[in-house]
Amino acid sequence: MTDVAKGVCDTDAVNVSQLNDSVKSILNSSSTYMNNSAAGILESTSTYTDNSAASTLKSANGFVE
């Protein structure tokens, strides 16, 4: 079969182009979500590490006096 139109009703068949477009959209959305999540996690861990290092240094300086 060739030149099959895109399905519009829930019971219609889907053509390969329509299926590929849906898969690409899902992959792009999940990639964006993961990238944003990873960036947020990295920011949180960096802030935690910076704060912990500053606190440790402050404590260590207190013992030097």
PDB file of N, CA and C in Angstrom:
ATOM      1  N   MET A   1       0.842  -1.168   0.000  1.00  0.00           N
ATOM      2  CA  MET A   1       0.000   0.000   0.000  1.00  0.00           C
ATOM      3  C   MET A   1       0.892   1.238   0.000  1.00  0.00           C
ATOM      4  N   THR A   2       0.540   2.192  -0.766  1.00  0.00           N
ATOM      5  CA  THR A   2       1.275   3.456  -0.826  1.00  0.00           C
ATOM      6  C   THR A   2       0.293   4.610  -0.743  1.00  0.00           C
ATOM      7  N   ASP A   3       0.820   5.785  -0.448  1.00  0.00           N
ATOM      8  CA  ASP A   3       0.016   7.011  -0.378  1.00  0.00           C
ATOM      9  C   ASP A   3      -1.152   6.891   0.592  1.00  0.00           C
ATOM     10  N   VAL A   4      -0.872   6.323   1.772  1.00  0.00           N
ATOM     11  CA  VAL A   4      -1.908   6.175   2.790  1.00  0.00           C
ATOM     12  C   VAL A   4      -1.964   7.468   3.606  1.00  0.00           C
ATOM     13  N   ALA A   5      -3.144   8.007   3.757  1.00  0.00           N
ATOM     14  CA  ALA A   5      -3.329   9.247   4.515  1.00  0.00           C
ATOM     15  C   ALA A   5      -3.116   8.993   6.006  1.00  0.00           C
ATOM     16  N   LYS A   6      -2.824  10.050   6.724  1.00  0.00           N
ATOM     17  CA  LYS A   6      -2.669   9.934   8.168  1.00  0.00           C
ATOM     18  C   LYS A   6      -4.001   9.594   8.805  1.00  0.00           C
ATOM     19  N   GLY A   7      -3.935   8.730   9.819  1.00  0.00           N
ATOM     20  CA  GLY A   7      -5.148   8.394  10.542  1.00  0.00           C
ATOM     21  C   GLY A   7      -5.605   9.569  11.392  1.00  0.00           C
ATOM     22  N   VAL A   8      -6.909   9.715  11.542  1.00  0.00           N
ATOM     23  CA  VAL A   8      -7.448  10.816  12.339  1.00  0.00           C
ATOM     24  C   VAL A   8      -8.344  10.320  13.475  1.00  0.00           C
ATOM     25  N   CYS A   9      -8.964   9.184  13.308  1.00  0.00           N
ATOM     26  CA  CYS A   9      -9.826   8.615  14.344  1.00  0.00           C
ATOM     27  C   CYS A   9      -9.058   7.549  15.122  1.00  0.00           C
ATOM     28  N   ASP A  10      -9.505   7.268  16.341  1.00  0.00           N
ATOM     29  CA  ASP A  10      -8.841   6.269  17.172  1.00  0.00           C
ATOM     30  C   ASP A  10      -8.771   4.895  16.513  1.00  0.00           C
ATOM     31  N   THR A  11      -9.698   4.589  15.652  1.00  0.00           N
ATOM     32  CA  THR A  11      -9.730   3.267  15.020  1.00  0.00           C
ATOM     33  C   THR A  11      -9.032   3.237  13.658  1.00  0.00           C
ATOM     34  N   ASP A  12      -8.490   4.364  13.185  1.00  0.00           N
ATOM     35  CA  ASP A  12      -7.779   4.418  11.906  1.00  0.00           C
ATOM     36  C   ASP A  12      -6.394   3.792  12.031  1.00  0.00           C
ATOM     37  N   ALA A  13      -5.902   3.296  10.913  1.00  0.00           N
ATOM     38  CA  ALA A  13      -4.524   2.819  10.863  1.00  0.00           C
ATOM     39  C   ALA A  13      -3.584   4.020  10.855  1.00  0.00           C
ATOM     40  N   VAL A  14      -2.346   3.785  11.219  1.00  0.00           N
ATOM     41  CA  VAL A  14      -1.350   4.850  11.223  1.00  0.00           C
ATOM     42  C   VAL A  14      -0.342   4.553  10.119  1.00  0.00           C
ATOM     43  N   ASN A  15       0.138   5.598   9.432  1.00  0.00           N
ATOM     44  CA  ASN A  15       1.174   5.359   8.428  1.00  0.00           C
ATOM     45  C   ASN A  15       2.551   5.543   9.065  1.00  0.00           C
ATOM     46  N   VAL A  16       3.594   5.098   8.412  1.00  0.00           N
ATOM     47  CA  VAL A  16       4.944   5.120   8.971  1.00  0.00           C
ATOM     48  C   VAL A  16       5.391   6.543   9.284  1.00  0.00           C
ATOM     49  N   SER A  17       5.109   7.477   8.422  1.00  0.00           N
ATOM     50  CA  SER A  17       5.496   8.869   8.656  1.00  0.00           C
ATOM     51  C   SER A  17       4.857   9.405   9.930  1.00  0.00           C
ATOM     52  N   GLN A  18       3.597   9.124  10.107  1.00  0.00           N
ATOM     53  CA  GLN A  18       2.873   9.571  11.291  1.00  0.00           C
ATOM     54  C   GLN A  18       3.477   8.932  12.549  1.00  0.00           C
ATOM     55  N   LEU A  19       3.791   7.656  12.479  1.00  0.00           N
ATOM     56  CA  LEU A  19       4.392   6.966  13.614  1.00  0.00           C
ATOM     57  C   LEU A  19       5.774   7.539  13.927  1.00  0.00           C
ATOM     58  N   ASN A  20       6.588   7.750  12.904  1.00  0.00           N
ATOM     59  CA  ASN A  20       7.930   8.313  13.100  1.00  0.00           C
ATOM     60  C   ASN A  20       7.876   9.709  13.697  1.00  0.00           C
ATOM     61  N   ASP A  21       6.937  10.520  13.248  1.00  0.00           N
ATOM     62  CA  ASP A  21       6.786  11.869  13.802  1.00  0.00           C
ATOM     63  C   ASP A  21       6.446  11.813  15.291  1.00  0.00           C
ATOM     64  N   SER A  22       5.582  10.883  15.671  1.00  0.00           N
ATOM     65  CA  SER A  22       5.203  10.743  17.077  1.00  0.00           C
ATOM     66  C   SER A  22       6.386  10.282  17.917  1.00  0.00           C
ATOM     67  N   VAL A  23       7.135   9.326  17.398  1.00  0.00           N
ATOM     68  CA  VAL A  23       8.299   8.821  18.129  1.00  0.00           C
ATOM     69  C   VAL A  23       9.341   9.928  18.299  1.00  0.00           C
ATOM     70  N   LYS A  24       9.607  10.694  17.253  1.00  0.00           N
ATOM     71  CA  LYS A  24      10.568  11.797  17.341  1.00  0.00           C
ATOM     72  C   LYS A  24      10.122  12.822  18.384  1.00  0.00           C
ATOM     73  N   SER A  25       8.848  13.138  18.397  1.00  0.00           N
ATOM     74  CA  SER A  25       8.318  14.103  19.352  1.00  0.00           C
ATOM     75  C   SER A  25       8.501  13.604  20.787  1.00  0.00           C
ATOM     76  N   ILE A  26       8.222  12.342  21.018  1.00  0.00           N
ATOM     77  CA  ILE A  26       8.375  11.758  22.347  1.00  0.00           C
ATOM     78  C   ILE A  26       9.842  11.761  22.764  1.00  0.00           C
ATOM     79  N   LEU A  27      10.724  11.385  21.860  1.00  0.00           N
ATOM     80  CA  LEU A  27      12.153  11.355  22.174  1.00  0.00           C
ATOM     81  C   LEU A  27      12.685  12.764  22.465  1.00  0.00           C
ATOM     82  N   ASN A  28      12.251  13.746  21.691  1.00  0.00           N
ATOM     83  CA  ASN A  28      12.685  15.123  21.930  1.00  0.00           C
ATOM     84  C   ASN A  28      12.193  15.630  23.282  1.00  0.00           C
ATOM     85  N   SER A  29      10.955  15.329  23.611  1.00  0.00           N
ATOM     86  CA  SER A  29      10.394  15.762  24.895  1.00  0.00           C
ATOM     87  C   SER A  29      11.122  15.108  26.061  1.00  0.00           C
ATOM     88  N   SER A  30      11.391  13.816  25.952  1.00  0.00           N
ATOM     89  CA  SER A  30      12.072  13.124  27.046  1.00  0.00           C
ATOM     90  C   SER A  30      13.513  13.593  27.169  1.00  0.00           C
ATOM     91  N   SER A  31      14.162  13.883  26.065  1.00  0.00           N
ATOM     92  CA  SER A  31      15.531  14.391  26.093  1.00  0.00           C
ATOM     93  C   SER A  31      15.583  15.757  26.771  1.00  0.00           C
ATOM     94  N   THR A  32      14.649  16.624  26.431  1.00  0.00           N
ATOM     95  CA  THR A  32      14.583  17.949  27.053  1.00  0.00           C
ATOM     96  C   THR A  32      14.333  17.826  28.548  1.00  0.00           C
ATOM     97  N   TYR A  33      13.429  16.952  28.923  1.00  0.00           N
ATOM     98  CA  TYR A  33      13.124  16.740  30.343  1.00  0.00           C
ATOM     99  C   TYR A  33      14.367  16.254  31.094  1.00  0.00           C
ATOM    100  N   MET A  34      15.064  15.272  30.532  1.00  0.00           N
ATOM    101  CA  MET A  34      16.251  14.730  31.192  1.00  0.00           C
ATOM    102  C   MET A  34      17.365  15.777  31.284  1.00  0.00           C
ATOM    103  N   ASN A  35      17.572  16.546  30.223  1.00  0.00           N
ATOM    104  CA  ASN A  35      18.598  17.586  30.254  1.00  0.00           C
ATOM    105  C   ASN A  35      18.299  18.634  31.321  1.00  0.00           C
ATOM    106  N   ASN A  36      17.033  19.036  31.417  1.00  0.00           N
ATOM    107  CA  ASN A  36      16.645  20.021  32.424  1.00  0.00           C
ATOM    108  C   ASN A  36      16.782  19.448  33.835  1.00  0.00           C
ATOM    109  N   SER A  37      16.417  18.187  34.004  1.00  0.00           N
ATOM    110  CA  SER A  37      16.543  17.536  35.308  1.00  0.00           C
ATOM    111  C   SER A  37      18.000  17.428  35.714  1.00  0.00           C
ATOM    112  N   ALA A  38      18.842  17.019  34.784  1.00  0.00           N
ATOM    113  CA  ALA A  38      20.270  16.876  35.076  1.00  0.00           C
ATOM    114  C   ALA A  38      20.889  18.223  35.436  1.00  0.00           C
ATOM    115  N   ALA A  39      20.502  19.260  34.733  1.00  0.00           N
ATOM    116  CA  ALA A  39      21.031  20.597  35.026  1.00  0.00           C
ATOM    117  C   ALA A  39      20.628  21.040  36.429  1.00  0.00           C
ATOM    118  N   GLY A  40      19.394  20.766  36.807  1.00  0.00           N
ATOM    119  CA  GLY A  40      18.917  21.119  38.145  1.00  0.00           C
ATOM    120  C   GLY A  40      19.654  20.347  39.231  1.00  0.00           C
ATOM    121  N   ILE A  41      19.876  19.067  38.983  1.00  0.00           N
ATOM    122  CA  ILE A  41      20.607  18.236  39.944  1.00  0.00           C
ATOM    123  C   ILE A  41      22.046  18.730  40.074  1.00  0.00           C
ATOM    124  N   LEU A  42      22.675  19.036  38.965  1.00  0.00           N
ATOM    125  CA  LEU A  42      24.051  19.531  38.994  1.00  0.00           C
ATOM    126  C   LEU A  42      24.148  20.836  39.771  1.00  0.00           C
ATOM    127  N   GLU A  43      23.202  21.729  39.555  1.00  0.00           N
ATOM    128  CA  GLU A  43      23.188  23.003  40.280  1.00  0.00           C
ATOM    129  C   GLU A  43      23.027  22.769  41.778  1.00  0.00           C
ATOM    130  N   SER A  44      22.129  21.869  42.154  1.00  0.00           N
ATOM    131  CA  SER A  44      21.895  21.579  43.570  1.00  0.00           C
ATOM    132  C   SER A  44      23.124  20.969  44.225  1.00  0.00           C
ATOM    133  N   THR A  45      23.757  20.027  43.544  1.00  0.00           N
ATOM    134  CA  THR A  45      24.929  19.382  44.133  1.00  0.00           C
ATOM    135  C   THR A  45      26.106  20.352  44.208  1.00  0.00           C
ATOM    136  N   SER A  46      26.241  21.226  43.237  1.00  0.00           N
ATOM    137  CA  SER A  46      27.319  22.217  43.272  1.00  0.00           C
ATOM    138  C   SER A  46      27.126  23.180  44.438  1.00  0.00           C
ATOM    139  N   THR A  47      25.901  23.629  44.637  1.00  0.00           N
ATOM    140  CA  THR A  47      25.602  24.533  45.748  1.00  0.00           C
ATOM    141  C   THR A  47      25.872  23.843  47.080  1.00  0.00           C
ATOM    142  N   TYR A  48      25.441  22.603  47.204  1.00  0.00           N
ATOM    143  CA  TYR A  48      25.672  21.843  48.433  1.00  0.00           C
ATOM    144  C   TYR A  48      27.172  21.703  48.700  1.00  0.00           C
ATOM    145  N   THR A  49      27.931  21.347  47.663  1.00  0.00           N
ATOM    146  CA  THR A  49      29.378  21.164  47.808  1.00  0.00           C
ATOM    147  C   THR A  49      30.055  22.476  48.194  1.00  0.00           C
ATOM    148  N   ASP A  50      29.676  23.557  47.521  1.00  0.00           N
ATOM    149  CA  ASP A  50      30.259  24.867  47.839  1.00  0.00           C
ATOM    150  C   ASP A  50      29.969  25.267  49.286  1.00  0.00           C
ATOM    151  N   ASN A  51      28.739  25.068  49.719  1.00  0.00           N
ATOM    152  CA  ASN A  51      28.364  25.424  51.092  1.00  0.00           C
ATOM    153  C   ASN A  51      29.093  24.554  52.113  1.00  0.00           C
ATOM    154  N   SER A  52      29.224  23.276  51.812  1.00  0.00           N
ATOM    155  CA  SER A  52      29.927  22.368  52.721  1.00  0.00           C
ATOM    156  C   SER A  52      31.403  22.727  52.818  1.00  0.00           C
ATOM    157  N   ALA A  53      32.008  23.047  51.690  1.00  0.00           N
ATOM    158  CA  ALA A  53      33.432  23.426  51.690  1.00  0.00           C
ATOM    159  C   ALA A  53      33.640  24.714  52.476  1.00  0.00           C
ATOM    160  N   ALA A  54      32.762  25.675  52.300  1.00  0.00           N
ATOM    161  CA  ALA A  54      32.880  26.943  53.030  1.00  0.00           C
ATOM    162  C   ALA A  54      32.723  26.724  54.529  1.00  0.00           C
ATOM    163  N   SER A  55      31.791  25.883  54.907  1.00  0.00           N
ATOM    164  CA  SER A  55      31.571  25.589  56.320  1.00  0.00           C
ATOM    165  C   SER A  55      32.776  24.868  56.918  1.00  0.00           C
ATOM    166  N   THR A  56      33.330  23.928  56.189  1.00  0.00           N
ATOM    167  CA  THR A  56      34.508  23.198  56.655  1.00  0.00           C
ATOM    168  C   THR A  56      35.700  24.136  56.809  1.00  0.00           C
ATOM    169  N   LEU A  57      35.898  25.009  55.847  1.00  0.00           N
ATOM    170  CA  LEU A  57      37.004  25.970  55.913  1.00  0.00           C
ATOM    171  C   LEU A  57      36.836  26.914  57.095  1.00  0.00           C
ATOM    172  N   LYS A  58      35.618  27.366  57.327  1.00  0.00           N
ATOM    173  CA  LYS A  58      35.349  28.259  58.452  1.00  0.00           C
ATOM    174  C   LYS A  58      35.659  27.552  59.772  1.00  0.00           C
ATOM    175  N   SER A  59      35.258  26.290  59.872  1.00  0.00           N
ATOM    176  CA  SER A  59      35.541  25.519  61.081  1.00  0.00           C
ATOM    177  C   SER A  59      37.032  25.304  61.268  1.00  0.00           C
ATOM    178  N   ALA A  60      37.719  24.987  60.188  1.00  0.00           N
ATOM    179  CA  ALA A  60      39.165  24.762  60.254  1.00  0.00           C
ATOM    180  C   ALA A  60      39.896  26.049  60.649  1.00  0.00           C
ATOM    181  N   ASN A  61      39.479  27.158  60.142  1.00  0.00           N
ATOM    182  CA  ASN A  61      40.098  28.451  60.494  1.00  0.00           C
ATOM    183  C   ASN A  61      39.901  28.752  61.980  1.00  0.00           C
ATOM    184  N   GLY A  62      38.806  28.304  62.539  1.00  0.00           N
ATOM    185  CA  GLY A  62      38.551  28.508  63.961  1.00  0.00           C
ATOM    186  C   GLY A  62      39.543  27.747  64.824  1.00  0.00           C
ATOM    187  N   PHE A  63      40.047  26.615  64.360  1.00  0.00           N
ATOM    188  CA  PHE A  63      41.004  25.814  65.126  1.00  0.00           C
ATOM    189  C   PHE A  63      42.423  26.348  64.999  1.00  0.00           C
ATOM    190  N   VAL A  64      42.705  27.106  63.958  1.00  0.00           N
ATOM    191  CA  VAL A  64      44.038  27.623  63.715  1.00  0.00           C
ATOM    192  C   VAL A  64      44.391  28.728  64.688  1.00  0.00           C
ATOM    193  N   GLU A  65      43.410  29.481  65.111  1.00  0.00           N
ATOM    194  CA  GLU A  65      43.647  30.642  65.960  1.00  0.00           C
ATOM    195  C   GLU A  65      44.346  30.259  67.167  1.00  0.00           C
TER     196      GLU A  65
END
